[in-house]
Amino acid sequence: MLELKPPEELYRRILEEVRQQTLLRLRRRVILFSSALLASVAGFVAASTHLYAQISDSGFLQMLSLAGSDFRLISSDLSDYLLSLIESFPIMSVALFCAVLGATAFFLFKLARSASELKDLGAR
């Protein structure tokens, strides 16, 4: 019976091909996460500008500063003051800001992890 043996370098070539495919996949992930991070940083700048404008326009800071400057006036009608403070708080802008901040942190973490894997695999 004829016994066929694979070439001796076949195992090394297969491992090298797997390594090359893994490197290609990691490079694509780094490019993808870099692009997503860039977009989320742009969104972060826009969301923080929007949040600052909303806090300034809503009068929330003026109402909040009233607590430090004239607390006796506030203490006589504290429940109405707190209600006015809550009503003037720009909750949607804060929620948008937190979501964009979370996305930025997520993409930064994923990019760092992919770049670390790429560095480790590329060093071998």
C-alpha atoms as a PDB file:
ATOM      1  CA  MET A   1       0.000   0.000   0.000  1.00  0.00           C
ATOM      2  CA  LEU A   2       1.213   3.477  -0.851  1.00  0.00           C
ATOM      3  CA  GLU A   3       1.606   5.770   2.132  1.00  0.00           C
ATOM      4  CA  LEU A   4       1.426   9.505   1.463  1.00  0.00           C
ATOM      5  CA  LYS A   5       3.224  11.914   3.744  1.00  0.00           C
ATOM      6  CA  PRO A   6       2.667  15.663   3.723  1.00  0.00           C
ATOM      7  CA  PRO A   7       5.676  17.832   2.978  1.00  0.00           C
ATOM      8  CA  GLU A   8       7.740  18.651   6.041  1.00  0.00           C
ATOM      9  CA  GLU A   9       7.185  22.391   5.712  1.00  0.00           C
ATOM     10  CA  LEU A  10       3.421  22.136   5.456  1.00  0.00           C
ATOM     11  CA  TYR A  11       2.845  22.628   9.186  1.00  0.00           C
ATOM     12  CA  ARG A  12       5.086  25.723   9.264  1.00  0.00           C
ATOM     13  CA  ARG A  13       3.368  27.190   6.178  1.00  0.00           C
ATOM     14  CA  ILE A  14      -0.083  26.610   7.694  1.00  0.00           C
ATOM     15  CA  LEU A  15       0.922  28.324  10.936  1.00  0.00           C
ATOM     16  CA  GLU A  16       2.440  31.242   9.020  1.00  0.00           C
ATOM     17  CA  GLU A  17      -0.748  31.626   6.970  1.00  0.00           C
ATOM     18  CA  VAL A  18      -2.870  31.614  10.136  1.00  0.00           C
ATOM     19  CA  ARG A  19      -0.551  34.235  11.641  1.00  0.00           C
ATOM     20  CA  GLN A  20      -0.800  36.412   8.519  1.00  0.00           C
ATOM     21  CA  GLN A  21      -4.600  36.169   8.504  1.00  0.00           C
ATOM     22  CA  THR A  22      -4.711  37.055  12.197  1.00  0.00           C
ATOM     23  CA  LEU A  23      -2.438  40.066  11.588  1.00  0.00           C
ATOM     24  CA  LEU A  24      -4.677  41.211   8.745  1.00  0.00           C
ATOM     25  CA  ARG A  25      -7.781  40.852  10.929  1.00  0.00           C
ATOM     26  CA  LEU A  26      -6.149  42.794  13.764  1.00  0.00           C
ATOM     27  CA  ARG A  27      -5.021  45.572  11.409  1.00  0.00           C
ATOM     28  CA  ARG A  28      -8.566  45.914  10.136  1.00  0.00           C
ATOM     29  CA  ARG A  29      -9.872  46.084  13.714  1.00  0.00           C
ATOM     30  CA  VAL A  30      -7.337  48.787  14.597  1.00  0.00           C
ATOM     31  CA  ILE A  31      -8.408  50.822  11.556  1.00  0.00           C
ATOM     32  CA  LEU A  32     -12.095  50.324  12.387  1.00  0.00           C
ATOM     33  CA  PHE A  33     -11.722  51.259  16.052  1.00  0.00           C
ATOM     34  CA  SER A  34      -9.492  54.236  15.180  1.00  0.00           C
ATOM     35  CA  SER A  35     -12.169  55.569  12.852  1.00  0.00           C
ATOM     36  CA  ALA A  36     -14.893  54.966  15.419  1.00  0.00           C
ATOM     37  CA  LEU A  37     -12.808  56.655  18.121  1.00  0.00           C
ATOM     38  CA  LEU A  38     -12.226  59.662  15.884  1.00  0.00           C
ATOM     39  CA  ALA A  39     -15.968  59.948  15.224  1.00  0.00           C
ATOM     40  CA  SER A  40     -16.830  59.554  18.902  1.00  0.00           C
ATOM     41  CA  VAL A  41     -14.274  62.213  19.902  1.00  0.00           C
ATOM     42  CA  ALA A  42     -15.910  64.574  17.413  1.00  0.00           C
ATOM     43  CA  GLY A  43     -19.276  63.665  18.941  1.00  0.00           C
ATOM     44  CA  PHE A  44     -17.843  64.223  22.417  1.00  0.00           C
ATOM     45  CA  VAL A  45     -16.738  67.741  21.486  1.00  0.00           C
ATOM     46  CA  ALA A  46     -20.158  68.487  20.004  1.00  0.00           C
ATOM     47  CA  ALA A  47     -22.016  66.976  22.980  1.00  0.00           C
ATOM     48  CA  SER A  48     -19.938  68.870  25.541  1.00  0.00           C
ATOM     49  CA  THR A  49     -20.447  72.137  23.658  1.00  0.00           C
ATOM     50  CA  HIS A  50     -24.170  71.418  23.532  1.00  0.00           C
ATOM     51  CA  LEU A  51     -24.259  70.544  27.236  1.00  0.00           C
ATOM     52  CA  TYR A  52     -22.442  73.746  28.164  1.00  0.00           C
ATOM     53  CA  ALA A  53     -24.869  75.799  26.067  1.00  0.00           C
ATOM     54  CA  GLN A  54     -27.881  74.062  27.591  1.00  0.00           C
ATOM     55  CA  ILE A  55     -26.643  74.532  31.151  1.00  0.00           C
ATOM     56  CA  SER A  56     -25.957  78.211  30.452  1.00  0.00           C
ATOM     57  CA  ASP A  57     -29.289  78.823  28.717  1.00  0.00           C
ATOM     58  CA  SER A  58     -31.449  76.938  31.201  1.00  0.00           C
ATOM     59  CA  GLY A  59     -30.527  79.125  34.158  1.00  0.00           C
ATOM     60  CA  PHE A  60     -29.479  76.081  36.161  1.00  0.00           C
ATOM     61  CA  LEU A  61     -26.177  77.636  37.239  1.00  0.00           C
ATOM     62  CA  GLN A  62     -27.868  80.836  38.352  1.00  0.00           C
ATOM     63  CA  MET A  63     -30.376  78.857  40.397  1.00  0.00           C
ATOM     64  CA  LEU A  64     -27.603  76.758  41.876  1.00  0.00           C
ATOM     65  CA  SER A  65     -25.494  79.794  42.763  1.00  0.00           C
ATOM     66  CA  LEU A  66     -28.468  81.216  44.625  1.00  0.00           C
ATOM     67  CA  ALA A  67     -28.004  78.472  47.227  1.00  0.00           C
ATOM     68  CA  GLY A  68     -24.531  79.772  48.038  1.00  0.00           C
ATOM     69  CA  SER A  69     -25.352  83.451  48.041  1.00  0.00           C
ATOM     70  CA  ASP A  70     -28.724  83.617  49.817  1.00  0.00           C
ATOM     71  CA  PHE A  71     -29.465  80.394  51.640  1.00  0.00           C
ATOM     72  CA  ARG A  72     -31.935  81.988  54.101  1.00  0.00           C
ATOM     73  CA  LEU A  73     -34.198  82.957  51.241  1.00  0.00           C
ATOM     74  CA  ILE A  74     -34.077  79.431  49.863  1.00  0.00           C
ATOM     75  CA  SER A  75     -34.528  77.664  53.200  1.00  0.00           C
ATOM     76  CA  SER A  76     -37.916  79.277  53.719  1.00  0.00           C
ATOM     77  CA  ASP A  77     -39.227  77.625  50.533  1.00  0.00           C
ATOM     78  CA  LEU A  78     -36.796  74.756  49.978  1.00  0.00           C
ATOM     79  CA  SER A  79     -39.204  72.385  48.228  1.00  0.00           C
ATOM     80  CA  ASP A  80     -40.092  74.952  45.552  1.00  0.00           C
ATOM     81  CA  TYR A  81     -36.427  75.813  45.096  1.00  0.00           C
ATOM     82  CA  LEU A  82     -35.459  72.160  44.637  1.00  0.00           C
ATOM     83  CA  LEU A  83     -38.319  71.640  42.195  1.00  0.00           C
ATOM     84  CA  SER A  84     -37.223  74.673  40.179  1.00  0.00           C
ATOM     85  CA  LEU A  85     -33.657  73.408  40.228  1.00  0.00           C
ATOM     86  CA  ILE A  86     -34.729  69.985  38.955  1.00  0.00           C
ATOM     87  CA  GLU A  87     -36.948  71.513  36.270  1.00  0.00           C
ATOM     88  CA  SER A  88     -34.145  73.684  34.933  1.00  0.00           C
ATOM     89  CA  PHE A  89     -31.624  70.802  34.781  1.00  0.00           C
ATOM     90  CA  PRO A  90     -30.931  69.826  31.134  1.00  0.00           C
ATOM     91  CA  ILE A  91     -31.319  66.056  31.587  1.00  0.00           C
ATOM     92  CA  MET A  92     -31.399  65.129  27.886  1.00  0.00           C
ATOM     93  CA  SER A  93     -28.155  66.967  27.222  1.00  0.00           C
ATOM     94  CA  VAL A  94     -26.532  65.232  30.183  1.00  0.00           C
ATOM     95  CA  ALA A  95     -27.801  61.858  28.937  1.00  0.00           C
ATOM     96  CA  LEU A  96     -26.443  62.557  25.451  1.00  0.00           C
ATOM     97  CA  PHE A  97     -23.118  63.649  26.919  1.00  0.00           C
ATOM     98  CA  CYS A  98     -22.880  60.486  29.051  1.00  0.00           C
ATOM     99  CA  ALA A  99     -23.725  58.264  26.077  1.00  0.00           C
ATOM    100  CA  VAL A 100     -21.067  59.881  23.898  1.00  0.00           C
ATOM    101  CA  LEU A 101     -18.560  59.739  26.749  1.00  0.00           C
ATOM    102  CA  GLY A 102     -19.301  56.035  27.163  1.00  0.00           C
ATOM    103  CA  ALA A 103     -18.888  55.408  23.437  1.00  0.00           C
ATOM    104  CA  THR A 104     -15.571  57.254  23.434  1.00  0.00           C
ATOM    105  CA  ALA A 105     -14.305  55.227  26.388  1.00  0.00           C
ATOM    106  CA  PHE A 106     -15.514  51.991  24.772  1.00  0.00           C
ATOM    107  CA  PHE A 107     -13.762  52.645  21.467  1.00  0.00           C
ATOM    108  CA  LEU A 108     -10.610  53.812  23.235  1.00  0.00           C
ATOM    109  CA  PHE A 109     -10.526  50.579  25.249  1.00  0.00           C
ATOM    110  CA  LYS A 110     -11.156  48.420  22.170  1.00  0.00           C
ATOM    111  CA  LEU A 111      -8.489  50.275  20.179  1.00  0.00           C
ATOM    112  CA  ALA A 112      -5.919  49.896  22.949  1.00  0.00           C
ATOM    113  CA  ARG A 113      -6.679  46.187  23.271  1.00  0.00           C
ATOM    114  CA  SER A 114      -6.493  45.569  19.512  1.00  0.00           C
ATOM    115  CA  ALA A 115      -3.280  47.560  19.204  1.00  0.00           C
ATOM    116  CA  SER A 116      -1.762  45.598  22.063  1.00  0.00           C
ATOM    117  CA  GLU A 117      -2.727  42.293  20.417  1.00  0.00           C
ATOM    118  CA  LEU A 118      -1.323  43.516  17.107  1.00  0.00           C
ATOM    119  CA  LYS A 119       1.922  44.536  18.779  1.00  0.00           C
ATOM    120  CA  ASP A 120       2.217  41.191  20.556  1.00  0.00           C
ATOM    121  CA  LEU A 121       1.518  39.193  17.406  1.00  0.00           C
ATOM    122  CA  GLY A 122       3.723  41.367  15.223  1.00  0.00           C
ATOM    123  CA  ALA A 123       6.687  41.026  17.600  1.00  0.00           C
ATOM    124  CA  ARG A 124       6.938  37.257  17.087  1.00  0.00           C
END
